[in-house]
Amino acid sequence: MKKILYSTLISSSLFLSSANAGVFLDAQIGAGVWMTDTSGTTSYEGGDINLENDLGIDNSSNTYLYADFNHFIPFIPNIRIERQELKTNASNSANVTFGGQIFSGNTNTDMNLTQNDLIMYWGIPGINIATAGILNIDLGIDIKQYDGSIELSNNINREKVDLDFIVPMAYLAAQIKPPFISATISASTKMISYDGSELSDSMIMASIDLPIPLPLIDFRLDIGYKIQKFDISKELSDNVSGDITNRGMMLGLSAKF
């Protein structure tokens, strides 16, 4: 249901951007795959569990999508919507305690740290003009929703804990458009630290223009690298703690209207 609502929101926003060309200067959509390497530890009513050594969690491929709307109206924020799926599963011979239950022998793990982001941002005035259109810097607020869970199971026990919470994060982004090069380099970071928890989500990406002759639409190949740090305390997420890092290359396509 959440995926349907999220897709509907993006579709509606795209319709509005087309119907109000005088309001929106730029609209951009993109989608791709994040090839994720996961490492770290977690704990839930037991000792620390090493995701790699104890549970066998390693690499996974996860889809992402986004829609970005940038307008010229002063004081009203620009909007960027993102969805990052982040799911991994593994099977390993374990001897751990999770949710007060002992998991010994062959144990299956399903971990889900899927996120939805609503970013409201403003461009710093004057930088684009001062750099002749080469540089943009944006500042804003990200409302990030984690919609996930961690589940362990074997032939005897099964335990699942939800990771559903919303956090506000500071947002900083920059875009560089080098002259005489058909590409844009962008970087962004979102971060927050409070109540014993630290969360961050950073990426750098090169968007290379593709020679597709379609009027009013620029197609791009996106190649980048993303790293997310998920260090949460038991106070934030229903007695679950974790120090998890996800990192890896990104590959996708985008279109700018």
Protein backbone atom coordinates (compact mmCIF):
# COMPACT_ATOMS: atom_id res chain seq x y z
CA MET A 1 0.00 0.00 0.00
CA LYS A 2 2.84 2.38 0.87
CA LYS A 3 4.49 1.71 -2.49
CA ILE A 4 1.22 2.47 -4.30
CA LEU A 5 0.79 5.75 -2.43
CA TYR A 6 4.40 6.70 -3.07
CA SER A 7 4.11 5.98 -6.83
CA THR A 8 0.86 7.94 -6.98
CA LEU A 9 2.51 10.93 -5.32
CA ILE A 10 5.33 11.00 -7.86
CA SER A 11 2.93 10.56 -10.81
CA SER A 12 0.70 13.37 -9.54
CA SER A 13 3.70 15.65 -9.07
CA LEU A 14 4.89 14.99 -12.61
CA PHE A 15 1.45 15.84 -13.96
CA LEU A 16 1.39 19.10 -12.04
CA SER A 17 4.84 20.04 -13.28
CA SER A 18 3.75 19.58 -16.88
CA ALA A 19 0.50 21.44 -16.38
CA ASN A 20 2.20 24.38 -14.69
CA ALA A 21 5.22 25.04 -16.86
CA GLY A 22 5.16 28.67 -15.79
CA VAL A 23 5.73 27.66 -12.15
CA PHE A 24 8.31 24.87 -12.33
CA LEU A 25 11.58 25.71 -14.07
CA ASP A 26 13.02 22.20 -13.76
CA ALA A 27 11.64 18.74 -13.16
CA GLN A 28 13.84 15.68 -12.98
CA ILE A 29 13.11 12.01 -12.40
CA GLY A 30 15.50 9.13 -12.05
CA ALA A 31 15.76 5.47 -11.12
CA GLY A 32 18.48 2.89 -10.80
CA VAL A 33 20.25 0.28 -8.72
CA TRP A 34 22.44 0.65 -5.65
CA MET A 35 24.90 -2.26 -5.36
CA THR A 36 25.15 -2.36 -1.58
CA ASP A 37 27.79 -3.81 0.73
CA THR A 38 26.47 -4.13 4.30
CA SER A 39 28.54 -4.34 7.47
CA GLY A 40 28.19 -3.64 11.19
CA THR A 41 26.36 -4.91 14.25
CA THR A 42 22.87 -4.94 15.74
CA SER A 43 21.34 -5.91 19.08
CA TYR A 44 17.81 -6.63 20.28
CA GLU A 45 17.34 -8.03 23.79
CA GLY A 46 20.68 -9.82 23.60
CA GLY A 47 24.35 -9.27 22.84
CA ASP A 48 25.83 -7.57 19.78
CA ILE A 49 25.38 -9.54 16.57
CA ASN A 50 27.91 -9.10 13.77
CA LEU A 51 25.98 -8.94 10.51
CA GLU A 52 28.75 -10.45 8.40
CA ASN A 53 30.39 -13.00 10.70
CA ASP A 54 27.33 -14.14 12.67
CA LEU A 55 24.54 -13.83 10.11
CA GLY A 56 26.39 -14.04 6.78
CA ILE A 57 25.00 -10.76 5.43
CA ASP A 58 27.09 -9.41 2.57
CA ASN A 59 26.08 -7.77 -0.72
CA SER A 60 22.71 -6.94 -2.24
CA SER A 61 21.24 -4.93 -5.13
CA ASN A 62 18.56 -2.38 -4.28
CA THR A 63 16.46 -0.10 -6.45
CA TYR A 64 16.09 3.64 -5.94
CA LEU A 65 13.97 6.34 -7.53
CA TYR A 66 13.55 10.08 -7.13
CA ALA A 67 11.69 13.11 -8.43
CA ASP A 68 13.03 16.64 -8.07
CA PHE A 69 11.14 19.90 -8.68
CA ASN A 70 12.99 23.20 -8.73
CA HIS A 71 11.08 26.48 -9.20
CA PHE A 72 11.76 30.22 -9.08
CA ILE A 73 9.25 31.31 -6.41
CA PRO A 74 11.12 33.02 -3.53
CA PHE A 75 10.87 31.61 0.01
CA ILE A 76 8.83 28.56 -1.08
CA PRO A 77 11.04 25.44 -0.89
CA ASN A 78 11.93 23.26 -3.81
CA ILE A 79 10.86 19.64 -3.41
CA ARG A 80 12.72 16.39 -3.86
CA ILE A 81 11.14 12.98 -3.21
CA GLU A 82 13.24 9.84 -2.86
CA ARG A 83 12.67 6.16 -2.23
CA GLN A 84 15.55 3.83 -1.46
CA GLU A 85 14.86 0.14 -1.07
CA LEU A 86 17.42 -1.54 1.14
CA LYS A 87 16.75 -5.23 1.63
CA THR A 88 19.17 -8.07 2.21
CA ASN A 89 18.85 -11.66 3.32
CA ALA A 90 21.27 -14.40 4.27
CA SER A 91 21.55 -17.86 5.74
CA ASN A 92 24.39 -18.82 8.06
CA SER A 93 25.32 -21.12 10.92
CA ALA A 94 24.82 -18.87 13.93
CA ASN A 95 24.87 -18.85 17.70
CA VAL A 96 23.23 -15.55 18.73
CA THR A 97 20.52 -14.17 20.98
CA PHE A 98 17.91 -11.95 19.35
CA GLY A 99 14.65 -10.83 20.91
CA GLY A 100 15.45 -12.90 23.98
CA GLN A 101 15.58 -16.11 21.92
CA ILE A 102 18.63 -18.21 21.11
CA PHE A 103 19.27 -18.92 17.43
CA SER A 104 21.69 -21.80 17.00
CA GLY A 105 22.62 -23.63 13.83
CA ASN A 106 21.37 -22.67 10.38
CA THR A 107 19.63 -19.28 10.75
CA ASN A 108 17.89 -17.19 8.11
CA THR A 109 18.04 -13.39 8.28
CA ASP A 110 15.88 -10.85 6.49
CA MET A 111 16.90 -7.22 7.01
CA ASN A 112 14.98 -4.29 5.58
CA LEU A 113 16.07 -0.65 5.96
CA THR A 114 13.92 0.83 3.18
CA GLN A 115 13.57 4.62 3.32
CA ASN A 116 11.29 7.34 1.97
CA ASP A 117 12.54 10.94 1.93
CA LEU A 118 10.72 14.24 1.53
CA ILE A 119 13.31 17.00 1.07
CA MET A 120 12.46 20.71 1.16
CA TYR A 121 15.40 22.83 0.07
CA TRP A 122 16.45 26.30 -1.00
CA GLY A 123 19.29 27.36 -3.28
CA ILE A 124 21.84 29.79 -1.80
CA PRO A 125 21.17 33.08 -3.65
CA GLY A 126 23.82 34.49 -5.95
CA ILE A 127 26.14 31.48 -6.23
CA ASN A 128 24.84 30.34 -9.60
CA ILE A 129 25.13 33.83 -11.08
CA ALA A 130 28.54 34.49 -9.52
CA THR A 131 29.92 31.25 -11.02
CA ALA A 132 28.35 31.77 -14.46
CA GLY A 133 25.98 28.83 -13.98
CA ILE A 134 28.73 26.38 -13.00
CA LEU A 135 27.89 25.88 -9.31
CA ASN A 136 24.70 25.51 -7.26
CA ILE A 137 24.52 24.93 -3.51
CA ASP A 138 21.31 23.91 -1.75
CA LEU A 139 20.38 23.82 1.92
CA GLY A 140 17.26 22.26 3.40
CA ILE A 141 15.47 19.77 5.62
CA ASP A 142 14.90 16.10 4.92
CA ILE A 143 12.04 14.19 6.53
CA LYS A 144 13.24 10.58 6.35
CA GLN A 145 10.94 7.65 7.07
CA TYR A 146 12.45 4.25 7.81
CA ASP A 147 10.05 1.49 6.86
CA GLY A 148 11.89 -1.67 7.77
CA SER A 149 12.48 -4.66 10.01
CA ILE A 150 14.98 -7.31 11.06
CA GLU A 151 13.83 -10.94 11.22
CA LEU A 152 15.72 -14.05 12.31
CA SER A 153 14.32 -17.56 11.93
CA ASN A 154 15.34 -21.20 12.10
CA ASN A 155 13.58 -24.53 12.54
CA ILE A 156 12.71 -23.71 16.16
CA ASN A 157 12.42 -19.95 16.65
CA ARG A 158 11.30 -16.88 14.75
CA GLU A 159 11.68 -13.28 15.90
CA LYS A 160 10.94 -10.04 14.05
CA VAL A 161 11.35 -6.44 15.15
CA ASP A 162 10.08 -3.46 13.17
CA LEU A 163 12.21 -0.43 12.39
CA ASP A 164 9.52 2.13 11.66
CA PHE A 165 10.34 5.71 12.61
CA ILE A 166 10.65 9.20 11.14
CA VAL A 167 13.58 11.56 11.68
CA PRO A 168 14.29 15.11 10.46
CA MET A 169 17.75 15.56 8.94
CA ALA A 170 19.82 18.51 7.75
CA TYR A 171 20.30 18.51 3.97
CA LEU A 172 23.21 19.94 1.95
CA ALA A 173 23.73 19.48 -1.79
CA ALA A 174 25.88 20.89 -4.57
CA GLN A 175 25.87 20.59 -8.35
CA ILE A 176 28.75 21.42 -10.68
CA LYS A 177 28.29 21.84 -14.42
CA PRO A 178 31.78 22.09 -15.93
CA PRO A 179 31.91 24.19 -19.11
CA PHE A 180 32.27 22.35 -22.41
CA ILE A 181 31.52 18.98 -20.78
CA SER A 182 28.18 17.19 -21.29
CA ALA A 183 27.89 16.08 -17.68
CA THR A 184 26.85 17.29 -14.24
CA ILE A 185 28.58 16.34 -11.00
CA SER A 186 26.38 16.38 -7.92
CA ALA A 187 26.89 15.55 -4.26
CA SER A 188 24.57 15.56 -1.27
CA THR A 189 24.50 14.65 2.38
CA LYS A 190 21.76 14.26 4.99
CA MET A 191 22.63 13.94 8.65
CA ILE A 192 21.38 14.10 12.21
CA SER A 193 22.76 13.28 15.64
CA TYR A 194 20.56 13.17 18.74
CA ASP A 195 19.54 11.01 21.69
CA GLY A 196 22.56 8.72 21.27
CA SER A 197 21.87 8.05 17.58
CA GLU A 198 23.70 9.21 14.45
CA LEU A 199 22.24 8.84 10.96
CA SER A 200 23.79 9.97 7.69
CA ASP A 201 23.14 9.45 3.98
CA SER A 202 25.73 10.78 1.50
CA MET A 203 26.32 10.34 -2.22
CA ILE A 204 28.29 11.68 -5.17
CA MET A 205 27.13 11.21 -8.75
CA ALA A 206 28.18 12.02 -12.32
CA SER A 207 25.23 12.47 -14.71
CA ILE A 208 26.36 12.08 -18.32
CA ASP A 209 24.16 13.47 -21.09
CA LEU A 210 22.95 10.84 -23.57
CA PRO A 211 22.55 11.64 -27.29
CA ILE A 212 18.81 10.95 -27.43
CA PRO A 213 17.13 13.53 -29.72
CA LEU A 214 13.87 14.14 -27.85
CA PRO A 215 12.70 17.77 -27.62
CA LEU A 216 12.51 19.37 -24.16
CA ILE A 217 13.86 16.27 -22.38
CA ASP A 218 17.49 15.54 -21.52
CA PHE A 219 18.33 11.91 -20.78
CA ARG A 220 21.31 11.06 -18.60
CA LEU A 221 23.35 8.09 -17.46
CA ASP A 222 23.97 8.33 -13.71
CA ILE A 223 27.06 6.77 -12.12
CA GLY A 224 27.74 7.34 -8.45
CA TYR A 225 28.66 6.12 -4.99
CA LYS A 226 26.52 6.19 -1.86
CA ILE A 227 27.26 5.53 1.80
CA GLN A 228 24.72 5.38 4.62
CA LYS A 229 25.51 5.11 8.31
CA PHE A 230 22.81 3.82 10.63
CA ASP A 231 23.90 4.15 14.26
CA ILE A 232 20.79 3.98 16.43
CA SER A 233 20.22 3.70 20.16
CA LYS A 234 17.54 1.63 21.90
CA GLU A 235 15.67 4.83 22.78
CA LEU A 236 15.00 5.61 19.11
CA SER A 237 13.71 2.30 17.83
CA ASP A 238 11.87 0.14 20.36
CA ASN A 239 14.84 -1.41 22.20
CA VAL A 240 16.83 -2.10 19.01
CA SER A 241 20.37 -0.80 18.68
CA GLY A 242 22.62 -0.94 15.66
CA ASP A 243 25.79 0.36 14.07
CA ILE A 244 25.29 -0.48 10.40
CA THR A 245 27.05 0.86 7.30
CA ASN A 246 25.77 0.41 3.76
CA ARG A 247 27.94 1.51 0.85
CA GLY A 248 28.41 0.88 -2.84
CA MET A 249 28.18 2.00 -6.46
CA MET A 250 25.01 3.39 -8.04
CA LEU A 251 23.97 3.06 -11.67
CA GLY A 252 20.81 4.55 -13.17
CA LEU A 253 19.04 6.68 -15.74
CA SER A 254 17.43 10.07 -15.32
CA ALA A 255 15.43 12.54 -17.40
CA LYS A 256 15.33 16.30 -17.00
CA PHE A 257 12.40 18.32 -18.35
